[in-house]
Amino acid sequence: MRTRWVWRDRCRGRDGAPDDPGRVAWGQWEPAAYWLLYVVAFLAALLHWRAGNDELVVVCVVAVLVSVRFIMRTHRGGAV
């Protein structure tokens, strides 16, 4: 479990301060990437549903559900 926090804070020094203030840790971008996946997949599901393409609707809905799961995991884990 300790390796998880080391991975998220890999650009921080021993005192917890960022080594380079202009550089952002990966753990801060991870939730944003999941939210972007959620929004794009949700809109794609609506678009394909309106177009009548049922197979891609199912694929997009699965992507929405996976992104919601990842969003919930990152918020429970304490990421931004």
N, C-alpha and C. Protein backbone atom coordinates (compact mmCIF):
# COMPACT_ATOMS: atom_id res chain seq x y z
N MET A 1 0.82 -1.19 0.00
CA MET A 1 0.00 0.00 0.00
C MET A 1 0.87 1.26 0.00
N ARG A 2 2.01 1.19 0.57
CA ARG A 2 2.89 2.35 0.60
C ARG A 2 3.35 2.73 -0.80
N THR A 3 3.53 1.76 -1.68
CA THR A 3 3.99 2.07 -3.04
C THR A 3 2.97 2.92 -3.78
N ARG A 4 1.69 2.77 -3.46
CA ARG A 4 0.67 3.59 -4.11
C ARG A 4 0.90 5.07 -3.83
N TRP A 5 1.19 5.41 -2.60
CA TRP A 5 1.39 6.82 -2.26
C TRP A 5 2.72 7.33 -2.79
N VAL A 6 3.70 6.48 -2.84
CA VAL A 6 4.99 6.89 -3.40
C VAL A 6 4.80 7.22 -4.88
N TRP A 7 4.00 6.40 -5.58
CA TRP A 7 3.75 6.64 -7.01
C TRP A 7 3.03 7.97 -7.20
N ARG A 8 2.03 8.27 -6.38
CA ARG A 8 1.29 9.52 -6.55
C ARG A 8 2.13 10.74 -6.21
N ASP A 9 3.03 10.61 -5.27
CA ASP A 9 3.83 11.75 -4.83
C ASP A 9 5.27 11.64 -5.31
N ARG A 10 5.49 11.07 -6.46
CA ARG A 10 6.86 10.82 -6.90
C ARG A 10 7.65 12.09 -7.21
N CYS A 11 6.99 13.21 -7.42
CA CYS A 11 7.74 14.44 -7.69
C CYS A 11 7.80 15.33 -6.45
N ARG A 12 7.56 14.76 -5.30
CA ARG A 12 7.64 15.51 -4.04
C ARG A 12 8.90 15.11 -3.27
N GLY A 13 9.41 16.04 -2.52
CA GLY A 13 10.58 15.78 -1.69
C GLY A 13 10.19 15.09 -0.40
N ARG A 14 11.17 14.87 0.46
CA ARG A 14 10.89 14.19 1.73
C ARG A 14 9.98 15.01 2.64
N ASP A 15 10.02 16.32 2.53
CA ASP A 15 9.19 17.16 3.39
C ASP A 15 7.77 17.32 2.85
N GLY A 16 7.45 16.74 1.68
CA GLY A 16 6.11 16.82 1.12
C GLY A 16 5.92 17.95 0.14
N ALA A 17 6.90 18.85 0.06
CA ALA A 17 6.80 19.97 -0.88
C ALA A 17 7.21 19.50 -2.27
N PRO A 18 6.59 20.04 -3.31
CA PRO A 18 6.98 19.63 -4.66
C PRO A 18 8.43 19.99 -4.96
N ASP A 19 9.13 19.08 -5.64
CA ASP A 19 10.50 19.37 -6.04
C ASP A 19 10.55 20.53 -7.02
N ASP A 20 9.61 20.54 -7.95
CA ASP A 20 9.52 21.60 -8.95
C ASP A 20 8.09 22.14 -8.90
N PRO A 21 7.88 23.38 -8.46
CA PRO A 21 6.51 23.89 -8.32
C PRO A 21 5.73 23.91 -9.63
N GLY A 22 6.39 23.96 -10.78
CA GLY A 22 5.70 23.98 -12.06
C GLY A 22 5.26 22.61 -12.51
N ARG A 23 5.74 21.57 -11.86
CA ARG A 23 5.42 20.19 -12.25
C ARG A 23 4.31 19.65 -11.35
N VAL A 24 3.33 19.01 -11.95
CA VAL A 24 2.19 18.49 -11.21
C VAL A 24 2.32 16.97 -11.13
N ALA A 25 2.02 16.42 -9.96
CA ALA A 25 2.10 14.97 -9.78
C ALA A 25 1.04 14.27 -10.61
N TRP A 26 1.32 13.04 -11.04
CA TRP A 26 0.38 12.28 -11.87
C TRP A 26 -0.94 12.05 -11.14
N GLY A 27 -0.91 11.88 -9.84
CA GLY A 27 -2.12 11.63 -9.08
C GLY A 27 -3.13 12.75 -9.17
N GLN A 28 -2.69 13.96 -9.50
CA GLN A 28 -3.61 15.08 -9.63
C GLN A 28 -4.29 15.10 -11.00
N TRP A 29 -3.70 14.49 -12.00
CA TRP A 29 -4.30 14.45 -13.34
C TRP A 29 -5.19 13.23 -13.54
N GLU A 30 -5.00 12.21 -12.73
CA GLU A 30 -5.74 10.97 -12.90
C GLU A 30 -7.25 11.16 -12.82
N PRO A 31 -7.81 11.84 -11.81
CA PRO A 31 -9.26 12.03 -11.77
C PRO A 31 -9.78 12.84 -12.96
N ALA A 32 -9.01 13.81 -13.42
CA ALA A 32 -9.43 14.61 -14.57
C ALA A 32 -9.54 13.75 -15.82
N ALA A 33 -8.63 12.80 -15.97
CA ALA A 33 -8.68 11.92 -17.13
C ALA A 33 -9.92 11.03 -17.08
N TYR A 34 -10.29 10.56 -15.89
CA TYR A 34 -11.48 9.73 -15.76
C TYR A 34 -12.75 10.54 -16.02
N TRP A 35 -12.78 11.79 -15.57
CA TRP A 35 -13.94 12.65 -15.85
C TRP A 35 -14.05 12.94 -17.34
N LEU A 36 -12.92 13.14 -18.00
CA LEU A 36 -12.95 13.38 -19.45
C LEU A 36 -13.49 12.14 -20.17
N LEU A 37 -13.05 10.96 -19.76
CA LEU A 37 -13.56 9.72 -20.35
C LEU A 37 -15.07 9.62 -20.13
N TYR A 38 -15.53 9.97 -18.94
CA TYR A 38 -16.95 9.91 -18.63
C TYR A 38 -17.76 10.82 -19.55
N VAL A 39 -17.34 12.06 -19.68
CA VAL A 39 -18.09 13.03 -20.49
C VAL A 39 -18.11 12.62 -21.96
N VAL A 40 -16.96 12.25 -22.49
CA VAL A 40 -16.88 11.88 -23.90
C VAL A 40 -17.68 10.61 -24.19
N ALA A 41 -17.56 9.60 -23.33
CA ALA A 41 -18.28 8.35 -23.54
C ALA A 41 -19.80 8.55 -23.40
N PHE A 42 -20.21 9.39 -22.46
CA PHE A 42 -21.64 9.65 -22.28
C PHE A 42 -22.22 10.35 -23.51
N LEU A 43 -21.52 11.38 -23.99
CA LEU A 43 -21.99 12.08 -25.18
C LEU A 43 -21.97 11.19 -26.42
N ALA A 44 -20.96 10.33 -26.52
CA ALA A 44 -20.89 9.40 -27.64
C ALA A 44 -22.04 8.40 -27.58
N ALA A 45 -22.40 7.94 -26.39
CA ALA A 45 -23.53 7.01 -26.24
C ALA A 45 -24.82 7.67 -26.71
N LEU A 46 -25.02 8.93 -26.33
CA LEU A 46 -26.22 9.65 -26.78
C LEU A 46 -26.23 9.82 -28.29
N LEU A 47 -25.09 10.16 -28.85
CA LEU A 47 -24.99 10.37 -30.30
C LEU A 47 -25.27 9.07 -31.06
N HIS A 48 -24.69 7.97 -30.61
CA HIS A 48 -24.91 6.70 -31.29
C HIS A 48 -26.34 6.19 -31.08
N TRP A 49 -26.93 6.48 -29.94
CA TRP A 49 -28.31 6.09 -29.70
C TRP A 49 -29.25 6.81 -30.67
N ARG A 50 -29.00 8.13 -30.85
CA ARG A 50 -29.81 8.91 -31.79
C ARG A 50 -29.62 8.44 -33.23
N ALA A 51 -28.42 7.97 -33.54
CA ALA A 51 -28.12 7.50 -34.90
C ALA A 51 -28.62 6.07 -35.12
N GLY A 52 -29.01 5.37 -34.06
CA GLY A 52 -29.52 4.02 -34.19
C GLY A 52 -28.45 2.94 -34.23
N ASN A 53 -27.26 3.26 -33.80
CA ASN A 53 -26.15 2.29 -33.80
C ASN A 53 -26.06 1.64 -32.42
N ASP A 54 -26.82 0.57 -32.25
CA ASP A 54 -26.96 -0.05 -30.92
C ASP A 54 -25.67 -0.67 -30.40
N GLU A 55 -24.84 -1.23 -31.27
CA GLU A 55 -23.60 -1.87 -30.81
C GLU A 55 -22.66 -0.85 -30.16
N LEU A 56 -22.52 0.30 -30.79
CA LEU A 56 -21.63 1.32 -30.22
C LEU A 56 -22.23 1.98 -28.99
N VAL A 57 -23.55 1.99 -28.89
CA VAL A 57 -24.19 2.50 -27.67
C VAL A 57 -23.76 1.63 -26.49
N VAL A 58 -23.79 0.32 -26.68
CA VAL A 58 -23.40 -0.60 -25.61
C VAL A 58 -21.94 -0.39 -25.23
N VAL A 59 -21.06 -0.24 -26.20
CA VAL A 59 -19.64 -0.01 -25.93
C VAL A 59 -19.44 1.29 -25.15
N CYS A 60 -20.14 2.34 -25.55
CA CYS A 60 -19.99 3.63 -24.87
C CYS A 60 -20.56 3.60 -23.45
N VAL A 61 -21.66 2.89 -23.26
CA VAL A 61 -22.24 2.77 -21.91
C VAL A 61 -21.29 2.00 -21.00
N VAL A 62 -20.64 0.97 -21.53
CA VAL A 62 -19.65 0.24 -20.73
C VAL A 62 -18.50 1.17 -20.36
N ALA A 63 -18.05 2.02 -21.29
CA ALA A 63 -16.99 2.99 -20.98
C ALA A 63 -17.44 3.97 -19.91
N VAL A 64 -18.70 4.39 -19.95
CA VAL A 64 -19.23 5.28 -18.92
C VAL A 64 -19.19 4.59 -17.56
N LEU A 65 -19.63 3.35 -17.50
CA LEU A 65 -19.64 2.63 -16.23
C LEU A 65 -18.24 2.40 -15.68
N VAL A 66 -17.30 2.10 -16.56
CA VAL A 66 -15.91 1.91 -16.12
C VAL A 66 -15.34 3.23 -15.60
N SER A 67 -15.63 4.33 -16.30
CA SER A 67 -15.11 5.62 -15.84
C SER A 67 -15.72 6.02 -14.50
N VAL A 68 -17.00 5.73 -14.29
CA VAL A 68 -17.63 6.03 -13.00
C VAL A 68 -16.96 5.22 -11.89
N ARG A 69 -16.66 3.97 -12.18
CA ARG A 69 -15.97 3.14 -11.18
C ARG A 69 -14.60 3.71 -10.83
N PHE A 70 -13.86 4.14 -11.84
CA PHE A 70 -12.54 4.73 -11.58
C PHE A 70 -12.65 6.07 -10.85
N ILE A 71 -13.65 6.86 -11.17
CA ILE A 71 -13.85 8.14 -10.47
C ILE A 71 -14.14 7.88 -9.00
N MET A 72 -15.00 6.92 -8.72
CA MET A 72 -15.31 6.60 -7.33
C MET A 72 -14.08 6.06 -6.60
N ARG A 73 -13.28 5.26 -7.27
CA ARG A 73 -12.06 4.71 -6.65
C ARG A 73 -11.07 5.82 -6.31
N THR A 74 -10.87 6.78 -7.21
CA THR A 74 -9.92 7.85 -6.93
C THR A 74 -10.39 8.76 -5.81
N HIS A 75 -11.70 9.00 -5.72
CA HIS A 75 -12.20 9.85 -4.64
C HIS A 75 -12.13 9.14 -3.30
N ARG A 76 -12.36 7.84 -3.29
CA ARG A 76 -12.20 7.08 -2.05
C ARG A 76 -10.75 6.98 -1.63
N GLY A 77 -9.86 6.96 -2.63
CA GLY A 77 -8.43 6.84 -2.35
C GLY A 77 -7.79 8.12 -1.86
N GLY A 78 -8.50 9.23 -1.94
CA GLY A 78 -7.96 10.49 -1.43
C GLY A 78 -7.30 11.35 -2.47
N ALA A 79 -7.36 10.97 -3.74
CA ALA A 79 -6.81 11.83 -4.79
C ALA A 79 -7.72 13.05 -4.92
N VAL A 80 -7.18 14.10 -5.38
CA VAL A 80 -7.85 15.38 -5.52
C VAL A 80 -9.32 15.30 -5.67
